PDB file of N, CA and C in Angstrom:
ATOM      1  N   UNK A   1    -196.516-167.102 115.361  1.00  0.00           N
ATOM      2  CA  UNK A   1    -197.255-166.624 116.508  1.00  0.00           C
ATOM      3  C   UNK A   1    -198.710-166.422 116.099  1.00  0.00           C
ATOM      4  N   UNK A   2    -199.580-166.997 116.852  1.00  0.00           N
ATOM      5  CA  UNK A   2    -200.998-166.856 116.563  1.00  0.00           C
ATOM      6  C   UNK A   2    -201.493-165.501 117.041  1.00  0.00           C
ATOM      7  N   UNK A   3    -202.513-165.011 116.389  1.00  0.00           N
ATOM      8  CA  UNK A   3    -203.086-163.723 116.754  1.00  0.00           C
ATOM      9  C   UNK A   3    -203.778-163.791 118.108  1.00  0.00           C
ATOM     10  N   UNK A   4    -204.288-164.958 118.479  1.00  0.00           N
ATOM     11  CA  UNK A   4    -205.001-165.095 119.748  1.00  0.00           C
ATOM     12  C   UNK A   4    -204.048-165.139 120.938  1.00  0.00           C
ATOM     13  N   UNK A   5    -202.798-165.505 120.741  1.00  0.00           N
ATOM     14  CA  UNK A   5    -201.866-165.595 121.860  1.00  0.00           C
ATOM     15  C   UNK A   5    -201.363-164.219 122.301  1.00  0.00           C
ATOM     16  N   UNK A   6    -201.505-163.207 121.456  1.00  0.00           N
ATOM     17  CA  UNK A   6    -201.044-161.868 121.805  1.00  0.00           C
ATOM     18  C   UNK A   6    -201.801-161.282 122.999  1.00  0.00           C
ATOM     19  N   UNK A   7    -203.133-161.352 123.068  1.00  0.00           N
ATOM     20  CA  UNK A   7    -203.825-160.832 124.257  1.00  0.00           C
ATOM     21  C   UNK A   7    -203.456-161.590 125.538  1.00  0.00           C
ATOM     22  N   UNK A   8    -203.181-162.869 125.430  1.00  0.00           N
ATOM     23  CA  UNK A   8    -202.798-163.646 126.605  1.00  0.00           C
ATOM     24  C   UNK A   8    -201.438-163.183 127.108  1.00  0.00           C
ATOM     25  N   UNK A   9    -200.488-162.982 126.193  1.00  0.00           N
ATOM     26  CA  UNK A   9    -199.165-162.491 126.592  1.00  0.00           C
ATOM     27  C   UNK A   9    -199.261-161.089 127.181  1.00  0.00           C
ATOM     28  N   UNK A  10    -200.095-160.255 126.593  1.00  0.00           N
ATOM     29  CA  UNK A  10    -200.263-158.899 127.110  1.00  0.00           C
ATOM     30  C   UNK A  10    -200.876-158.913 128.496  1.00  0.00           C
ATOM     31  N   UNK A  11    -201.884-159.758 128.705  1.00  0.00           N
ATOM     32  CA  UNK A  11    -202.528-159.793 130.017  1.00  0.00           C
ATOM     33  C   UNK A  11    -201.582-160.340 131.082  1.00  0.00           C
ATOM     34  N   UNK A  12    -200.750-161.313 130.744  1.00  0.00           N
ATOM     35  CA  UNK A  12    -199.762-161.823 131.701  1.00  0.00           C
ATOM     36  C   UNK A  12    -198.740-160.743 132.035  1.00  0.00           C
ATOM     37  N   UNK A  13    -198.314-160.000 131.037  1.00  0.00           N
ATOM     38  CA  UNK A  13    -197.366-158.910 131.278  1.00  0.00           C
ATOM     39  C   UNK A  13    -198.000-157.809 132.121  1.00  0.00           C
ATOM     40  N   UNK A  14    -199.255-157.503 131.851  1.00  0.00           N
ATOM     41  CA  UNK A  14    -199.943-156.458 132.607  1.00  0.00           C
ATOM     42  C   UNK A  14    -200.137-156.875 134.063  1.00  0.00           C
ATOM     43  N   UNK A  15    -200.508-158.120 134.295  1.00  0.00           N
ATOM     44  CA  UNK A  15    -200.685-158.616 135.662  1.00  0.00           C
ATOM     45  C   UNK A  15    -199.356-158.599 136.406  1.00  0.00           C
ATOM     46  N   UNK A  16    -198.296-159.019 135.741  1.00  0.00           N
ATOM     47  CA  UNK A  16    -196.967-158.996 136.362  1.00  0.00           C
ATOM     48  C   UNK A  16    -196.557-157.568 136.703  1.00  0.00           C
ATOM     49  N   UNK A  17    -196.809-156.633 135.804  1.00  0.00           N
ATOM     50  CA  UNK A  17    -196.462-155.231 136.060  1.00  0.00           C
ATOM     51  C   UNK A  17    -197.247-154.669 137.242  1.00  0.00           C
ATOM     52  N   UNK A  18    -198.510-155.032 137.356  1.00  0.00           N
ATOM     53  CA  UNK A  18    -199.327-154.562 138.480  1.00  0.00           C
ATOM     54  C   UNK A  18    -198.816-155.135 139.796  1.00  0.00           C
ATOM     55  N   UNK A  19    -198.473-156.413 139.819  1.00  0.00           N
ATOM     56  CA  UNK A  19    -197.960-157.043 141.039  1.00  0.00           C
ATOM     57  C   UNK A  19    -196.631-156.412 141.454  1.00  0.00           C
ATOM     58  N   UNK A  20    -195.737-156.220 140.500  1.00  0.00           N
ATOM     59  CA  UNK A  20    -194.438-155.606 140.807  1.00  0.00           C
ATOM     60  C   UNK A  20    -194.634-154.176 141.305  1.00  0.00           C
ATOM     61  N   UNK A  21    -195.534-153.430 140.688  1.00  0.00           N
ATOM     62  CA  UNK A  21    -195.808-152.064 141.124  1.00  0.00           C
ATOM     63  C   UNK A  21    -196.367-152.037 142.539  1.00  0.00           C
ATOM     64  N   UNK A  22    -197.252-152.967 142.864  1.00  0.00           N
ATOM     65  CA  UNK A  22    -197.799-153.041 144.227  1.00  0.00           C
ATOM     66  C   UNK A  22    -196.703-153.332 145.243  1.00  0.00           C
ATOM     67  N   UNK A  23    -195.803-154.251 144.932  1.00  0.00           N
ATOM     68  CA  UNK A  23    -194.689-154.537 145.841  1.00  0.00           C
ATOM     69  C   UNK A  23    -193.783-153.316 145.989  1.00  0.00           C
ATOM     70  N   UNK A  24    -193.519-152.628 144.901  1.00  0.00           N
ATOM     71  CA  UNK A  24    -192.653-151.447 144.950  1.00  0.00           C
ATOM     72  C   UNK A  24    -193.282-150.343 145.797  1.00  0.00           C
ATOM     73  N   UNK A  25    -194.559-150.080 145.589  1.00  0.00           N
ATOM     74  CA  UNK A  25    -195.244-149.029 146.344  1.00  0.00           C
ATOM     75  C   UNK A  25    -195.306-149.376 147.825  1.00  0.00           C
ATOM     76  N   UNK A  26    -195.424-150.655 148.146  1.00  0.00           N
ATOM     77  CA  UNK A  26    -195.491-151.039 149.557  1.00  0.00           C
ATOM     78  C   UNK A  26    -194.164-150.835 150.280  1.00  0.00           C
ATOM     79  N   UNK A  27    -193.061-150.680 149.555  1.00  0.00           N
ATOM     80  CA  UNK A  27    -191.764-150.474 150.197  1.00  0.00           C
ATOM     81  C   UNK A  27    -191.333-149.015 150.211  1.00  0.00           C
ATOM     82  N   UNK A  28    -192.124-148.118 149.641  1.00  0.00           N
ATOM     83  CA  UNK A  28    -191.747-146.707 149.629  1.00  0.00           C
ATOM     84  C   UNK A  28    -191.786-146.128 151.036  1.00  0.00           C
ATOM     85  N   UNK A  29    -190.873-145.234 151.309  1.00  0.00           N
ATOM     86  CA  UNK A  29    -190.816-144.561 152.602  1.00  0.00           C
ATOM     87  C   UNK A  29    -191.514-143.215 152.448  1.00  0.00           C
ATOM     88  N   UNK A  30    -192.699-143.082 153.022  1.00  0.00           N
ATOM     89  CA  UNK A  30    -193.515-141.897 152.811  1.00  0.00           C
ATOM     90  C   UNK A  30    -193.072-140.727 153.691  1.00  0.00           C
ATOM     91  N   UNK A  31    -192.472-140.996 154.840  1.00  0.00           N
ATOM     92  CA  UNK A  31    -191.921-139.951 155.702  1.00  0.00           C
ATOM     93  C   UNK A  31    -190.411-140.006 155.633  1.00  0.00           C
ATOM     94  N   UNK A  32    -189.769-138.904 156.009  1.00  0.00           N
ATOM     95  CA  UNK A  32    -188.311-138.900 155.989  1.00  0.00           C
ATOM     96  C   UNK A  32    -187.761-139.876 157.011  1.00  0.00           C
ATOM     97  N   UNK A  33    -188.306-139.865 158.229  1.00  0.00           N
ATOM     98  CA  UNK A  33    -187.746-140.763 159.232  1.00  0.00           C
ATOM     99  C   UNK A  33    -188.573-142.023 159.427  1.00  0.00           C
ATOM    100  N   UNK A  34    -189.790-142.053 158.978  1.00  0.00           N
ATOM    101  CA  UNK A  34    -190.600-143.261 159.052  1.00  0.00           C
ATOM    102  C   UNK A  34    -191.097-143.614 160.432  1.00  0.00           C
ATOM    103  N   UNK A  35    -190.948-142.720 161.411  1.00  0.00           N
ATOM    104  CA  UNK A  35    -191.370-143.010 162.775  1.00  0.00           C
ATOM    105  C   UNK A  35    -191.984-141.763 163.394  1.00  0.00           C
ATOM    106  N   UNK A  36    -193.005-141.965 164.210  1.00  0.00           N
ATOM    107  CA  UNK A  36    -193.623-140.852 164.923  1.00  0.00           C
ATOM    108  C   UNK A  36    -193.071-140.707 166.337  1.00  0.00           C
ATOM    109  N   UNK A  37    -192.106-141.532 166.700  1.00  0.00           N
ATOM    110  CA  UNK A  37    -191.548-141.475 168.044  1.00  0.00           C
ATOM    111  C   UNK A  37    -190.724-140.211 168.246  1.00  0.00           C
ATOM    112  N   UNK A  38    -190.753-139.694 169.447  1.00  0.00           N
ATOM    113  CA  UNK A  38    -190.022-138.480 169.773  1.00  0.00           C
ATOM    114  C   UNK A  38    -188.520-138.681 169.676  1.00  0.00           C
ATOM    115  N   UNK A  39    -188.052-139.898 169.886  1.00  0.00           N
ATOM    116  CA  UNK A  39    -186.620-140.185 169.843  1.00  0.00           C
ATOM    117  C   UNK A  39    -186.062-140.195 168.415  1.00  0.00           C
ATOM    118  N   UNK A  40    -186.924-140.242 167.434  1.00  0.00           N
ATOM    119  CA  UNK A  40    -186.474-140.326 166.046  1.00  0.00           C
ATOM    120  C   UNK A  40    -186.750-139.045 165.270  1.00  0.00           C
ATOM    121  N   UNK A  41    -186.866-137.915 165.972  1.00  0.00           N
ATOM    122  CA  UNK A  41    -187.205-136.655 165.318  1.00  0.00           C
ATOM    123  C   UNK A  41    -186.104-136.196 164.365  1.00  0.00           C
ATOM    124  N   UNK A  42    -184.833-136.368 164.731  1.00  0.00           N
ATOM    125  CA  UNK A  42    -183.743-135.849 163.915  1.00  0.00           C
ATOM    126  C   UNK A  42    -183.161-136.867 162.939  1.00  0.00           C
ATOM    127  N   UNK A  43    -183.843-137.964 162.713  1.00  0.00           N
ATOM    128  CA  UNK A  43    -183.337-138.989 161.802  1.00  0.00           C
ATOM    129  C   UNK A  43    -183.189-138.433 160.391  1.00  0.00           C
ATOM    130  N   UNK A  44    -184.123-137.608 159.948  1.00  0.00           N
ATOM    131  CA  UNK A  44    -184.031-137.025 158.612  1.00  0.00           C
ATOM    132  C   UNK A  44    -182.798-136.160 158.461  1.00  0.00           C
ATOM    133  N   UNK A  45    -182.446-135.417 159.512  1.00  0.00           N
ATOM    134  CA  UNK A  45    -181.244-134.593 159.460  1.00  0.00           C
ATOM    135  C   UNK A  45    -180.002-135.464 159.369  1.00  0.00           C
ATOM    136  N   UNK A  46    -179.999-136.586 160.066  1.00  0.00           N
ATOM    137  CA  UNK A  46    -178.860-137.499 159.989  1.00  0.00           C
ATOM    138  C   UNK A  46    -178.742-138.104 158.594  1.00  0.00           C
ATOM    139  N   UNK A  47    -179.867-138.421 157.974  1.00  0.00           N
ATOM    140  CA  UNK A  47    -179.815-138.987 156.630  1.00  0.00           C
ATOM    141  C   UNK A  47    -179.225-137.989 155.643  1.00  0.00           C
ATOM    142  N   UNK A  48    -179.578-136.719 155.764  1.00  0.00           N
ATOM    143  CA  UNK A  48    -179.035-135.692 154.879  1.00  0.00           C
ATOM    144  C   UNK A  48    -177.546-135.511 155.138  1.00  0.00           C
ATOM    145  N   UNK A  49    -177.153-135.424 156.419  1.00  0.00           N
ATOM    146  CA  UNK A  49    -175.736-135.223 156.754  1.00  0.00           C
ATOM    147  C   UNK A  49    -174.882-136.388 156.268  1.00  0.00           C
ATOM    148  N   UNK A  50    -175.360-137.604 156.428  1.00  0.00           N
ATOM    149  CA  UNK A  50    -174.575-138.763 156.001  1.00  0.00           C
ATOM    150  C   UNK A  50    -174.389-138.766 154.486  1.00  0.00           C
ATOM    151  N   UNK A  51    -175.420-138.396 153.740  1.00  0.00           N
ATOM    152  CA  UNK A  51    -175.287-138.415 152.279  1.00  0.00           C
ATOM    153  C   UNK A  51    -174.446-137.246 151.766  1.00  0.00           C
ATOM    154  N   UNK A  52    -174.455-136.117 152.468  1.00  0.00           N
ATOM    155  CA  UNK A  52    -173.683-134.958 152.011  1.00  0.00           C
ATOM    156  C   UNK A  52    -172.235-134.991 152.484  1.00  0.00           C
ATOM    157  N   UNK A  53    -172.041-135.253 153.779  1.00  0.00           N
ATOM    158  CA  UNK A  53    -170.708-135.125 154.357  1.00  0.00           C
ATOM    159  C   UNK A  53    -170.077-136.458 154.720  1.00  0.00           C
ATOM    160  N   UNK A  54    -170.859-137.500 154.859  1.00  0.00           N
ATOM    161  CA  UNK A  54    -170.319-138.806 155.213  1.00  0.00           C
ATOM    162  C   UNK A  54    -170.137-139.014 156.698  1.00  0.00           C
ATOM    163  N   UNK A  55    -170.304-137.961 157.492  1.00  0.00           N
ATOM    164  CA  UNK A  55    -170.190-138.081 158.944  1.00  0.00           C
ATOM    165  C   UNK A  55    -171.082-137.023 159.583  1.00  0.00           C
ATOM    166  N   UNK A  56    -171.475-137.251 160.820  1.00  0.00           N
ATOM    167  CA  UNK A  56    -172.339-136.296 161.509  1.00  0.00           C
ATOM    168  C   UNK A  56    -171.618-135.627 162.668  1.00  0.00           C
ATOM    169  N   UNK A  57    -170.344-135.921 162.836  1.00  0.00           N
ATOM    170  CA  UNK A  57    -169.562-135.301 163.905  1.00  0.00           C
ATOM    171  C   UNK A  57    -168.128-135.126 163.416  1.00  0.00           C
ATOM    172  N   UNK A  58    -167.395-134.209 164.022  1.00  0.00           N
ATOM    173  CA  UNK A  58    -166.005-134.031 163.607  1.00  0.00           C
ATOM    174  C   UNK A  58    -165.191-135.303 163.826  1.00  0.00           C
ATOM    175  N   UNK A  59    -164.252-135.541 162.967  1.00  0.00           N
ATOM    176  CA  UNK A  59    -163.412-136.720 163.090  1.00  0.00           C
ATOM    177  C   UNK A  59    -162.578-136.644 164.362  1.00  0.00           C
ATOM    178  N   UNK A  60    -162.494-137.732 165.089  1.00  0.00           N
ATOM    179  CA  UNK A  60    -161.687-137.803 166.295  1.00  0.00           C
ATOM    180  C   UNK A  60    -162.437-137.503 167.563  1.00  0.00           C
ATOM    181  N   UNK A  61    -163.724-137.205 167.486  1.00  0.00           N
ATOM    182  CA  UNK A  61    -164.473-136.952 168.720  1.00  0.00           C
ATOM    183  C   UNK A  61    -165.429-138.068 169.002  1.00  0.00           C
TER     184      UNK A  61
END
């Protein structure tokens, strides 16, 4: 391995890491429900209930 090829490999890795990080950050959900609509106010509560209990209503109703 040549000494000059190391900076090239590092710069390619750094550019790839920056691109992947940008894609990852663009998919983050910054709000719990992700919507400002009045109809989606309780979406965050549903997300918590589904992860904790698996259902949001009694079985059979």
